[in-house]
Amino acid sequence: MRINSLACAVPVNKVFSTDYVSVFGEETVEKIVVNTGIKERRVVRSGGCTSDLCIAAAKALFEKTGVSRDSVEAIVFISQSPDYLVPATSGIIQAELQLPETVFAFDVNQGCTGFTDGLIIAQSLLKGLGMKRVLLLAGDTPSKTVDPNDQGTVMLFGDAGSATLIEASDDPFHYIAGTDGTGAMVIHQKIGYRNGLDVAKPMPPISQLSVNLDGAKVYEFTIDRVPDMTKELMKKSSWSVEEIDAFVFHQANQYIMRNLARMSKIPMPKLPVSLDEFGNTSSASIPLTMVTRMQDTLEKSAKLVLVGFGVGLAWSAVALEWNNGIICPLVELEC
């Protein structure tokens, strides 16, 4: 598998952590910024959706590379904030991008591991079905599901979308993935068909849309799973820390990332960070970090370890070689 090109899009609308001083107080805001490392985020305005961001990124990618849209054989759209419950957003994207009707298009409901899961799925389509080119779209608009009065989440999440063009090749590709569903409710929304969505009953209160997050349990899970996964993946790939050019972690928060680096014995200069400017962008956080923080590294061939972890509770990581791929400039979208 080879990444041909990568593009990301964010809303133009910026929200600063200091904007919440009047709500939570200066001391509380300062403490949150110190712990999370998040100073600002990009947030969609009313009406903006994840597909808008992913489509904008994909259009930039096709324009930059000149790759024929007719050559795309599959669309994998990964998000926990689709346009609708029905139909799948991937079909809407196929029409908007004017991709061929022969394309295999489907949605995947995943968040923090979305990008790494998507790479694993793309590899399976290339290797298992003999496809030549897959378009992976990973993005989220988590700002739509945070309680504005919840200081634990409202200053954490930002919105972004990504588009990655993936081609068949014999380049090295190694992965690890897993799920512990006993922790499924550690990060969750109450609303759903099991709890409230039923045309025969009154609509559930809007408060059920908000994300509930147990920060202590998320941290415990991350520290328990991710360092061992990272070390196991390095053994699988036979790459040492010294050989690897960058470890791109899901941008959860600064405190978690620093502890993961320490426990995995990864030098901080090899751990690029974008959450200070964009916050936790869920499934888009890894590609957004690559686009905005790794231009120099990705101008040449590079060995990369990409690590996702979080909602599910799930974890997945891939080790791959970046080989003459194209990084498109960040798209800033009015949405």
Protein backbone atom coordinates (compact mmCIF):
# COMPACT_ATOMS: atom_id res chain seq x y z
CA MET A 1 0.00 0.00 0.00
CA ARG A 2 1.20 3.49 -0.84
CA ILE A 3 -0.29 6.87 0.09
CA ASN A 4 -0.40 8.80 -3.17
CA SER A 5 -1.60 12.06 -1.60
CA LEU A 6 -3.18 13.60 1.46
CA ALA A 7 -5.34 16.69 2.01
CA CYS A 8 -7.23 18.19 4.95
CA ALA A 9 -9.89 20.86 5.40
CA VAL A 10 -10.95 22.86 8.45
CA PRO A 11 -13.59 25.54 8.99
CA VAL A 12 -12.37 29.14 8.83
CA ASN A 13 -14.19 29.84 12.10
CA LYS A 14 -11.73 29.93 15.02
CA VAL A 15 -12.67 29.54 18.67
CA PHE A 16 -10.07 30.37 21.32
CA SER A 17 -9.84 28.77 24.75
CA THR A 18 -9.62 32.24 26.28
CA ASP A 19 -13.15 32.89 24.97
CA TYR A 20 -14.41 30.75 27.88
CA VAL A 21 -12.93 32.89 30.65
CA SER A 22 -16.28 34.64 31.10
CA VAL A 23 -18.01 31.24 31.45
CA PHE A 24 -15.63 29.20 33.62
CA GLY A 25 -13.25 31.79 35.05
CA GLU A 26 -9.63 32.58 34.21
CA GLU A 27 -8.09 30.08 36.63
CA THR A 28 -10.15 27.13 35.35
CA VAL A 29 -9.48 27.98 31.69
CA GLU A 30 -5.76 28.35 32.31
CA LYS A 31 -5.65 24.96 34.03
CA ILE A 32 -7.48 23.29 31.12
CA VAL A 33 -5.13 24.85 28.58
CA VAL A 34 -2.06 23.71 30.54
CA ASN A 35 -3.36 20.13 30.83
CA THR A 36 -4.73 19.74 27.30
CA GLY A 37 -2.37 22.01 25.38
CA ILE A 38 -5.33 23.29 23.36
CA LYS A 39 -5.29 27.04 22.70
CA GLU A 40 -7.71 27.26 19.78
CA ARG A 41 -9.93 25.12 17.57
CA ARG A 42 -11.80 25.29 14.27
CA VAL A 43 -15.57 24.92 14.57
CA VAL A 44 -18.26 24.69 11.87
CA ARG A 45 -21.06 27.20 11.91
CA SER A 46 -24.71 26.16 11.84
CA GLY A 47 -25.32 23.93 8.83
CA GLY A 48 -21.70 22.87 8.25
CA CYS A 49 -21.15 19.11 8.12
CA THR A 50 -18.29 16.62 8.07
CA SER A 51 -18.94 15.78 4.44
CA ASP A 52 -18.41 19.44 3.46
CA LEU A 53 -14.90 19.28 4.92
CA CYS A 54 -14.05 15.87 3.43
CA ILE A 55 -15.37 16.86 0.00
CA ALA A 56 -13.34 20.09 0.05
CA ALA A 57 -10.22 18.10 0.97
CA ALA A 58 -10.87 15.56 -1.80
CA LYS A 59 -11.38 18.27 -4.42
CA ALA A 60 -8.09 19.88 -3.40
CA LEU A 61 -6.41 16.50 -3.65
CA PHE A 62 -7.67 15.77 -7.17
CA GLU A 63 -6.79 19.27 -8.33
CA LYS A 64 -3.27 19.08 -6.89
CA THR A 65 -2.43 15.60 -8.15
CA GLY A 66 -4.27 15.49 -11.45
CA VAL A 67 -5.34 11.92 -10.68
CA SER A 68 -8.38 10.85 -12.71
CA ARG A 69 -11.52 10.53 -10.61
CA ASP A 70 -12.55 7.60 -12.80
CA SER A 71 -9.61 5.62 -11.39
CA VAL A 72 -11.11 5.51 -7.87
CA GLU A 73 -12.60 2.09 -7.14
CA ALA A 74 -13.77 2.58 -3.55
CA ILE A 75 -14.80 5.35 -1.14
CA VAL A 76 -14.40 4.67 2.57
CA PHE A 77 -16.04 7.42 4.65
CA ILE A 78 -15.17 7.17 8.34
CA SER A 79 -16.96 9.43 10.80
CA GLN A 80 -19.18 9.53 13.86
CA SER A 81 -20.92 12.64 12.57
CA PRO A 82 -22.46 11.64 9.21
CA ASP A 83 -24.88 13.85 7.30
CA TYR A 84 -27.86 11.58 8.03
CA LEU A 85 -28.75 8.35 9.78
CA VAL A 86 -29.97 7.18 6.36
CA PRO A 87 -28.61 7.24 3.65
CA ALA A 88 -24.89 6.58 3.97
CA THR A 89 -22.88 9.76 3.50
CA SER A 90 -20.44 8.00 1.15
CA GLY A 91 -23.12 7.89 -1.55
CA ILE A 92 -23.71 11.62 -1.26
CA ILE A 93 -19.96 12.17 -1.55
CA GLN A 94 -19.76 9.95 -4.64
CA ALA A 95 -22.29 12.18 -6.40
CA GLU A 96 -20.73 15.44 -5.21
CA LEU A 97 -17.25 14.41 -6.36
CA GLN A 98 -18.62 12.96 -9.62
CA LEU A 99 -16.86 9.66 -9.05
CA PRO A 100 -17.83 6.69 -11.25
CA GLU A 101 -21.02 4.76 -10.47
CA THR A 102 -18.92 1.60 -10.34
CA VAL A 103 -17.30 2.81 -7.11
CA PHE A 104 -17.75 0.70 -3.97
CA ALA A 105 -18.86 3.27 -1.36
CA PHE A 106 -19.59 2.70 2.31
CA ASP A 107 -19.54 4.40 5.73
CA VAL A 108 -17.71 3.28 8.86
CA ASN A 109 -18.85 4.50 12.29
CA GLN A 110 -15.58 5.12 14.10
CA GLY A 111 -13.88 8.05 15.79
CA CYS A 112 -10.43 8.23 17.36
CA THR A 113 -9.09 5.19 15.46
CA GLY A 114 -10.85 6.24 12.26
CA PHE A 115 -7.81 7.08 10.15
CA THR A 116 -5.71 4.07 11.12
CA ASP A 117 -8.76 1.79 10.79
CA GLY A 118 -9.34 3.31 7.36
CA LEU A 119 -5.81 2.52 6.22
CA ILE A 120 -6.24 -1.09 7.34
CA ILE A 121 -9.57 -1.32 5.47
CA ALA A 122 -8.03 0.23 2.36
CA GLN A 123 -5.18 -2.27 2.47
CA SER A 124 -7.70 -5.12 2.67
CA LEU A 125 -9.56 -3.78 -0.40
CA LEU A 126 -6.33 -3.44 -2.35
CA LYS A 127 -4.91 -6.80 -1.38
CA GLY A 128 -8.09 -8.83 -0.97
CA LEU A 129 -10.17 -7.52 -3.88
CA GLY A 130 -7.35 -6.49 -6.18
CA MET A 131 -8.36 -2.82 -6.31
CA LYS A 132 -5.81 -0.28 -7.53
CA ARG A 133 -6.98 2.97 -5.91
CA VAL A 134 -9.08 3.78 -2.81
CA LEU A 135 -10.23 7.17 -1.52
CA LEU A 136 -10.27 7.31 2.28
CA LEU A 137 -12.26 10.15 3.83
CA ALA A 138 -11.94 10.54 7.60
CA GLY A 139 -13.40 13.45 9.52
CA ASP A 140 -15.69 14.60 12.28
CA THR A 141 -17.55 17.64 13.59
CA PRO A 142 -17.53 16.80 17.32
CA SER A 143 -18.25 20.44 18.19
CA LYS A 144 -21.89 19.65 17.34
CA THR A 145 -22.15 17.17 20.22
CA VAL A 146 -20.47 18.94 23.14
CA ASP A 147 -22.40 20.51 25.98
CA PRO A 148 -21.46 24.23 26.00
CA ASN A 149 -21.55 24.15 29.81
CA ASP A 150 -19.29 21.11 30.19
CA GLN A 151 -15.79 22.42 30.81
CA GLY A 152 -14.39 18.90 30.38
CA THR A 153 -15.35 18.69 26.68
CA VAL A 154 -16.35 22.08 25.26
CA MET A 155 -12.74 23.33 25.00
CA LEU A 156 -11.40 19.98 23.77
CA PHE A 157 -12.92 19.13 20.38
CA GLY A 158 -12.41 20.74 16.98
CA ASP A 159 -13.78 19.99 13.50
CA ALA A 160 -11.84 18.76 10.47
CA GLY A 161 -12.01 16.48 7.44
CA SER A 162 -9.39 14.61 5.44
CA ALA A 163 -8.97 12.89 2.09
CA THR A 164 -6.30 10.28 1.40
CA LEU A 165 -5.69 8.67 -1.98
CA ILE A 166 -4.29 5.17 -1.49
CA GLU A 167 -2.76 2.96 -4.18
CA ALA A 168 -1.77 -0.68 -4.46
CA SER A 169 1.95 -1.30 -3.99
CA ASP A 170 4.39 -3.69 -2.33
CA ASP A 171 5.59 -1.06 0.14
CA PRO A 172 5.83 -2.27 3.76
CA PHE A 173 2.60 -2.16 5.75
CA HIS A 174 2.10 -3.56 9.24
CA TYR A 175 -0.83 -3.12 11.58
CA ILE A 176 -2.28 -3.94 14.99
CA ALA A 177 -5.90 -3.40 16.04
CA GLY A 178 -8.18 -4.32 18.89
CA THR A 179 -11.39 -3.50 20.75
CA ASP A 180 -12.57 -3.75 24.35
CA GLY A 181 -16.33 -3.34 24.18
CA THR A 182 -16.68 -3.57 27.96
CA GLY A 183 -15.59 0.08 27.91
CA ALA A 184 -17.97 1.11 25.13
CA MET A 185 -19.87 3.55 27.33
CA VAL A 186 -16.75 5.35 28.59
CA ILE A 187 -17.26 7.74 25.63
CA HIS A 188 -20.82 7.79 24.34
CA GLN A 189 -23.93 9.70 23.28
CA LYS A 190 -27.18 8.60 24.91
CA ILE A 191 -29.34 9.19 21.86
CA GLY A 192 -29.94 6.22 19.57
CA TYR A 193 -32.45 3.56 18.63
CA ARG A 194 -31.86 1.81 21.94
CA ASN A 195 -32.58 4.98 23.85
CA GLY A 196 -35.12 7.39 22.50
CA LEU A 197 -35.27 7.28 18.69
CA ASP A 198 -38.71 5.84 17.96
CA VAL A 199 -41.38 7.48 15.78
CA ALA A 200 -44.07 6.08 18.10
CA LYS A 201 -42.63 7.95 21.08
CA PRO A 202 -41.86 11.60 21.91
CA MET A 203 -38.48 12.84 20.73
CA PRO A 204 -35.78 12.50 23.41
CA PRO A 205 -34.45 15.72 24.95
CA ILE A 206 -31.72 17.49 23.00
CA SER A 207 -29.37 16.96 25.95
CA GLN A 208 -29.07 13.31 24.88
CA LEU A 209 -27.07 14.45 21.85
CA SER A 210 -24.14 15.57 23.98
CA VAL A 211 -21.05 13.38 24.33
CA ASN A 212 -20.41 11.88 27.75
CA LEU A 213 -16.75 11.27 28.50
CA ASP A 214 -15.12 9.70 31.57
CA GLY A 215 -11.68 11.32 31.38
CA ALA A 216 -10.10 9.20 34.11
CA LYS A 217 -11.14 5.93 32.45
CA VAL A 218 -10.03 7.15 29.01
CA TYR A 219 -6.61 7.96 30.45
CA GLU A 220 -6.38 4.59 32.23
CA PHE A 221 -7.31 2.73 29.05
CA THR A 222 -4.83 4.71 26.94
CA ILE A 223 -1.88 4.20 29.26
CA ASP A 224 -2.73 0.51 29.62
CA ARG A 225 -3.05 -0.26 25.90
CA VAL A 226 -1.16 2.18 23.69
CA PRO A 227 2.50 1.85 24.81
CA ASP A 228 2.38 -1.96 24.52
CA MET A 229 0.66 -1.69 21.11
CA THR A 230 3.33 0.72 19.85
CA LYS A 231 6.17 -1.53 21.02
CA GLU A 232 4.50 -4.61 19.52
CA LEU A 233 4.06 -2.85 16.17
CA MET A 234 7.74 -1.88 16.11
CA LYS A 235 8.67 -5.52 16.68
CA LYS A 236 6.31 -6.57 13.90
CA SER A 237 7.87 -4.11 11.47
CA SER A 238 11.44 -4.69 12.73
CA TRP A 239 11.86 -0.90 12.95
CA SER A 240 13.58 0.71 15.90
CA VAL A 241 12.70 4.07 17.44
CA GLU A 242 15.87 5.46 15.86
CA GLU A 243 14.83 4.30 12.36
CA ILE A 244 11.31 5.71 12.55
CA ASP A 245 11.04 9.31 11.35
CA ALA A 246 7.83 10.17 13.17
CA PHE A 247 5.20 8.71 15.48
CA VAL A 248 1.87 10.37 14.70
CA PHE A 249 -0.52 9.82 17.60
CA HIS A 250 -4.20 10.62 17.76
CA GLN A 251 -4.28 14.12 19.22
CA ALA A 252 -6.19 13.36 22.43
CA ASN A 253 -4.61 15.90 24.72
CA GLN A 254 -1.13 17.08 25.65
CA TYR A 255 -1.02 15.29 29.01
CA ILE A 256 -1.85 11.91 27.47
CA MET A 257 0.60 12.34 24.57
CA ARG A 258 3.51 13.28 26.81
CA ASN A 259 2.91 10.25 29.00
CA LEU A 260 2.61 7.96 25.98
CA ALA A 261 5.91 9.28 24.62
CA ARG A 262 7.62 8.74 27.99
CA MET A 263 6.29 5.21 28.42
CA SER A 264 7.09 4.25 24.81
CA LYS A 265 10.54 5.90 25.01
CA ILE A 266 9.81 8.12 22.02
CA PRO A 267 11.74 11.42 21.82
CA MET A 268 9.29 14.35 21.78
CA PRO A 269 10.79 15.79 18.54
CA LYS A 270 9.53 12.63 16.80
CA LEU A 271 5.99 13.20 18.09
CA PRO A 272 4.38 16.04 16.04
CA VAL A 273 1.58 17.97 17.76
CA SER A 274 -1.29 19.89 16.13
CA LEU A 275 -3.87 19.97 18.93
CA ASP A 276 -2.63 23.33 20.21
CA GLU A 277 -4.13 24.92 17.09
CA PHE A 278 -6.93 22.51 16.18
CA GLY A 279 -7.90 20.59 19.33
CA ASN A 280 -8.95 16.95 19.32
CA THR A 281 -10.37 16.42 15.83
CA SER A 282 -11.26 12.74 16.31
CA SER A 283 -10.76 10.67 13.14
CA ALA A 284 -9.07 13.58 11.33
CA SER A 285 -6.41 14.25 13.96
CA ILE A 286 -3.63 12.09 12.48
CA PRO A 287 -3.92 13.29 8.85
CA LEU A 288 -4.37 16.89 10.02
CA THR A 289 -1.14 16.62 12.00
CA MET A 290 0.64 15.24 8.94
CA VAL A 291 -0.61 18.05 6.70
CA THR A 292 0.06 20.93 9.10
CA ARG A 293 3.15 19.78 11.03
CA MET A 294 5.13 17.39 8.84
CA GLN A 295 5.80 19.09 5.51
CA ASP A 296 9.59 18.84 5.93
CA THR A 297 9.51 15.21 7.06
CA LEU A 298 7.23 14.18 4.20
CA GLU A 299 9.23 15.91 1.47
CA LYS A 300 11.32 12.74 1.35
CA SER A 301 10.79 9.06 2.04
CA ALA A 302 9.99 8.37 5.68
CA LYS A 303 9.14 5.55 8.02
CA LEU A 304 5.97 6.40 9.96
CA VAL A 305 4.08 4.85 12.85
CA LEU A 306 0.48 6.10 13.09
CA VAL A 307 -1.42 5.37 16.30
CA GLY A 308 -5.17 5.70 16.99
CA PHE A 309 -6.95 5.05 20.28
CA GLY A 310 -10.16 6.02 22.06
CA VAL A 311 -13.91 5.67 21.61
CA GLY A 312 -14.97 2.04 21.43
CA LEU A 313 -12.85 1.46 23.43
CA ALA A 314 -10.62 0.73 20.44
CA TRP A 315 -7.02 0.92 19.35
CA SER A 316 -5.24 0.51 16.01
CA ALA A 317 -1.85 1.42 14.64
CA VAL A 318 -0.01 1.06 11.35
CA ALA A 319 3.63 1.19 10.32
CA LEU A 320 4.19 2.26 6.74
CA GLU A 321 6.66 3.98 4.46
CA TRP A 322 5.83 7.40 3.08
CA ASN A 323 7.21 7.26 -0.45
CA ASN A 324 7.03 10.42 -2.58
CA GLY A 325 3.46 11.19 -1.60
CA ILE A 326 1.91 14.63 -2.12
CA ILE A 327 0.80 16.84 0.77
CA CYS A 328 -1.80 19.40 -0.26
CA PRO A 329 -1.97 22.81 1.45
CA LEU A 330 -4.56 23.04 4.24
CA VAL A 331 -8.00 24.02 2.95
CA GLU A 332 -9.92 26.56 5.04
CA LEU A 333 -13.61 26.32 4.27
CA GLU A 334 -16.51 28.69 4.90
CA CYS A 335 -18.95 26.29 6.49
